[in-house]
Protein backbone atom coordinates (compact mmCIF):
# COMPACT_ATOMS: atom_id res chain seq x y z
CA MET A 1 31.70 -68.88 -125.42
CA LYS A 2 30.73 -65.67 -123.66
CA LYS A 3 31.75 -67.17 -120.28
CA ILE A 4 35.21 -68.13 -121.59
CA THR A 5 35.67 -64.67 -123.09
CA LEU A 6 34.58 -63.03 -119.82
CA ILE A 7 36.94 -65.23 -117.75
CA ALA A 8 39.84 -64.53 -120.13
CA PHE A 9 39.10 -60.79 -119.96
CA VAL A 10 39.00 -60.81 -116.13
CA LEU A 11 42.27 -62.78 -115.98
CA PHE A 12 43.90 -60.36 -118.42
CA ILE A 13 42.80 -57.33 -116.37
CA GLY A 14 44.01 -59.02 -113.18
CA LEU A 15 47.42 -59.75 -114.69
CA ALA A 16 47.73 -56.25 -116.13
CA THR A 17 46.81 -54.71 -112.78
CA SER A 18 49.26 -56.87 -110.84
CA GLN A 19 52.03 -56.09 -113.36
CA ALA A 20 51.30 -52.37 -113.13
CA GLN A 21 52.14 -52.45 -109.42
CA VAL A 22 55.68 -53.72 -110.02
CA ARG A 23 58.17 -50.85 -110.43
CA VAL A 24 61.63 -51.41 -111.92
CA SER A 25 64.26 -48.74 -111.21
CA PRO A 26 67.92 -48.89 -112.29
CA GLY A 27 70.56 -47.28 -110.12
CA LEU A 28 74.18 -46.83 -109.10
CA ARG A 29 75.90 -47.72 -105.83
CA GLY A 30 79.27 -47.26 -104.18
CA GLY A 31 80.99 -46.91 -100.87
CA LEU A 32 83.61 -47.95 -98.36
CA ASN A 33 84.88 -51.52 -97.80
CA ILE A 34 86.52 -52.46 -94.49
CA SER A 35 87.72 -55.98 -95.25
CA THR A 36 89.67 -58.68 -93.46
CA LEU A 37 90.57 -62.35 -93.84
CA THR A 38 89.64 -64.62 -90.94
CA ASN A 39 92.09 -66.79 -88.96
CA ILE A 40 95.27 -64.96 -89.96
CA ASP A 41 97.72 -63.97 -87.22
CA ASP A 42 98.97 -60.38 -86.93
CA ASN A 43 96.48 -59.03 -89.44
CA SER A 44 94.34 -55.91 -89.48
CA SER A 45 91.53 -54.68 -91.66
CA LYS A 46 92.08 -53.08 -95.05
CA THR A 47 90.12 -50.02 -96.19
CA ASP A 48 89.13 -49.73 -99.84
CA PHE A 49 86.03 -49.20 -102.00
CA TYR A 50 83.27 -50.83 -104.03
CA ILE A 51 81.28 -49.43 -106.96
CA GLY A 52 78.55 -50.82 -109.17
CA GLY A 53 75.04 -50.84 -110.55
CA LEU A 54 71.67 -52.21 -109.48
CA VAL A 55 68.11 -52.78 -110.59
CA ASN A 56 65.50 -52.37 -107.86
CA ILE A 57 62.35 -54.42 -108.56
CA LYS A 58 59.69 -53.19 -106.14
CA PHE A 59 56.69 -55.52 -105.83
CA ASN A 60 54.85 -53.49 -103.19
CA LYS A 61 55.63 -50.99 -100.42
CA PHE A 62 56.99 -53.77 -98.18
CA PHE A 63 59.16 -55.91 -100.45
CA SER A 64 61.64 -55.55 -103.32
CA VAL A 65 64.40 -57.61 -104.93
CA GLN A 66 67.59 -55.90 -106.04
CA PRO A 67 70.02 -57.64 -108.45
CA GLU A 68 73.46 -56.00 -108.34
CA ILE A 69 76.81 -56.08 -110.13
CA ASN A 70 79.82 -54.50 -108.39
CA TYR A 71 83.57 -54.15 -108.48
CA SER A 72 84.79 -54.77 -104.91
CA ARG A 73 88.34 -54.26 -103.64
CA GLN A 74 88.91 -56.54 -100.65
CA GLY A 75 91.73 -58.28 -98.82
CA ASP A 76 93.69 -57.68 -95.66
CA GLU A 77 96.62 -55.85 -94.18
CA GLY A 78 99.09 -58.19 -92.51
CA ARG A 79 102.63 -58.49 -91.24
CA TYR A 80 105.41 -60.89 -92.06
CA PHE A 81 108.81 -61.51 -90.46
CA GLU A 82 111.99 -61.47 -92.55
CA ASP A 83 115.66 -60.78 -91.80
CA GLY A 84 115.00 -60.11 -88.12
CA ARG A 85 112.22 -57.53 -88.53
CA TYR A 86 108.49 -57.23 -89.24
CA TYR A 87 107.13 -55.80 -92.50
CA SER A 88 103.57 -54.79 -93.26
CA GLU A 89 101.90 -55.75 -96.51
CA LYS A 90 98.49 -55.20 -98.09
CA TYR A 91 96.92 -58.34 -99.54
CA GLU A 92 94.71 -57.43 -102.49
CA LEU A 93 91.73 -59.53 -103.58
CA ASN A 94 89.60 -57.77 -106.18
CA TYR A 95 86.26 -59.18 -107.30
CA VAL A 96 83.40 -58.61 -109.70
CA THR A 97 80.39 -59.52 -107.58
CA LEU A 98 77.00 -60.69 -108.85
CA GLY A 99 74.39 -60.53 -106.13
CA ALA A 100 70.71 -60.19 -105.37
CA VAL A 101 69.34 -58.88 -102.09
CA ALA A 102 65.79 -59.03 -100.82
CA LYS A 103 64.77 -55.76 -99.17
CA PHE A 104 62.07 -55.70 -96.50
CA ASN A 105 60.68 -52.21 -95.85
CA PHE A 106 58.98 -51.51 -92.54
CA GLY A 107 57.59 -48.73 -90.38
CA GLY A 108 55.89 -46.93 -93.25
CA GLY A 109 59.09 -45.01 -93.97
CA GLY A 110 62.34 -45.61 -95.73
CA PHE A 111 63.90 -48.08 -93.26
CA HIS A 112 64.67 -51.54 -94.60
CA LEU A 113 66.42 -54.80 -93.80
CA LEU A 114 68.21 -56.66 -96.56
CA ALA A 115 69.71 -60.11 -97.09
CA GLY A 116 70.86 -62.22 -100.00
CA PRO A 117 73.61 -64.20 -101.76
CA SER A 118 76.55 -63.01 -103.82
CA LEU A 119 78.81 -64.80 -106.30
CA ASP A 120 82.24 -63.12 -106.31
CA LEU A 121 84.54 -63.70 -109.29
CA LYS A 122 88.18 -62.82 -108.65
CA VAL A 123 89.66 -60.49 -111.27
CA SER A 124 93.07 -59.83 -109.66
CA ASP A 125 95.25 -60.35 -106.59
CA ASN A 126 98.78 -59.51 -105.49
CA TYR A 127 99.67 -62.90 -103.99
CA ILE A 128 103.08 -64.06 -105.16
CA ASN A 129 103.72 -67.48 -103.63
CA THR A 130 100.12 -68.67 -103.35
CA ASN A 131 97.13 -68.87 -105.65
CA PRO A 132 93.81 -67.93 -104.02
CA GLU A 133 90.54 -69.40 -105.28
CA ASP A 134 89.08 -67.75 -108.38
CA PHE A 135 85.63 -67.27 -106.82
CA ASP A 136 83.80 -66.91 -103.53
CA LEU A 137 80.20 -67.36 -102.43
CA SER A 138 79.06 -64.82 -99.87
CA PHE A 139 76.04 -63.99 -97.77
CA VAL A 140 75.08 -60.34 -97.36
CA GLY A 141 72.95 -58.83 -94.59
CA GLY A 142 72.33 -55.26 -93.55
CA VAL A 143 70.13 -52.26 -92.84
CA GLY A 144 69.40 -49.08 -94.75
CA TYR A 145 67.29 -46.00 -95.19
CA THR A 146 65.88 -44.67 -98.48
CA LEU A 147 64.91 -41.04 -98.95
CA PRO A 148 61.89 -40.13 -101.14
CA ASN A 149 64.24 -38.83 -103.88
CA GLY A 150 65.79 -42.33 -104.35
CA LEU A 151 69.00 -41.79 -102.37
CA THR A 152 69.74 -44.73 -100.06
CA PHE A 153 72.23 -45.11 -97.18
CA GLU A 154 73.21 -48.67 -96.20
CA ALA A 155 75.44 -50.63 -93.85
CA ARG A 156 76.13 -54.25 -94.82
CA LEU A 157 78.12 -57.23 -93.57
CA LYS A 158 79.37 -59.54 -96.30
CA GLN A 159 80.58 -62.94 -95.10
CA GLY A 160 82.50 -65.21 -97.48
CA LEU A 161 81.66 -68.93 -97.34
CA ILE A 162 84.56 -70.47 -99.28
CA ASP A 163 88.14 -70.75 -98.03
CA ILE A 164 90.23 -68.69 -100.42
CA TYR A 165 92.84 -71.49 -100.35
CA GLY A 166 90.39 -74.27 -101.19
CA TYR A 167 89.90 -76.10 -97.86
CA ASP A 168 87.72 -79.13 -98.59
CA GLY A 169 86.15 -79.55 -95.12
CA VAL A 170 88.25 -82.53 -93.98
CA ASP A 171 90.32 -82.25 -90.79
CA TYR A 172 94.00 -82.98 -91.30
CA ASP A 173 96.69 -83.15 -88.62
CA ASP A 174 97.93 -79.67 -89.44
CA TYR A 175 94.78 -78.06 -90.88
CA TYR A 176 91.49 -77.68 -89.02
CA TYR A 177 88.17 -76.08 -89.81
CA ASP A 178 88.83 -73.14 -87.48
CA GLN A 179 91.81 -72.26 -89.70
CA VAL A 180 89.85 -71.61 -92.87
CA ILE A 181 90.56 -68.21 -94.40
CA LEU A 182 87.34 -66.43 -95.37
CA ASN A 183 86.58 -63.01 -96.76
CA GLN A 184 84.74 -60.74 -94.35
CA VAL A 185 83.71 -57.23 -95.40
CA LEU A 186 81.88 -54.41 -93.63
CA GLN A 187 80.40 -52.02 -96.19
CA PHE A 188 79.09 -48.47 -95.74
CA GLY A 189 77.66 -46.91 -98.86
CA ILE A 190 75.12 -44.94 -100.77
CA SER A 191 73.03 -45.75 -103.81
CA TYR A 192 70.70 -43.83 -106.06
CA THR A 193 67.78 -45.27 -108.01
CA PHE A 194 66.48 -43.35 -111.00
CA LYS A 195 62.79 -42.61 -111.36
CA VAL A 196 61.39 -44.53 -114.30
CA LYS A 197 57.90 -43.86 -115.65
């Protein structure tokens, strides 16, 4: 009985010690979106913003996982031809994004690499004659630097994986895989994580 009690005590201390090393810090994030839609003629990037919240779960000095929820204004700026002249138009695609990035810290300082998935749920668009998909799956990758006070600067590339018009992956005579229209966003932003005791 004493051996079982001793083993249970050692396991309890081990679990408590390992749990004590995990730090959970909530935070806020926001920044600049430079977005475009792939495979559209006569288009250019659209500049807008994203804003949201995060929870940084730091397991050790090298690795953390960061679930995030954001409001992201994306889309494109394109041209169309009507009545003998070209007109410019901003195409709006606005999403609530649910993501989680893994952050790999290196060099003993605040530098980190990050990567992870994102589920983007469309909340609005300004498309009149078409109906874009209601969601997107994206992959996020980037680099950043965190200051000791919790302020972080990051640059990310967010690549959409689903055609916003619902291409099903089959080649048709007038529709090929290299014509899929995907979200692509370059993000520059800052975040702040609060110190939690």
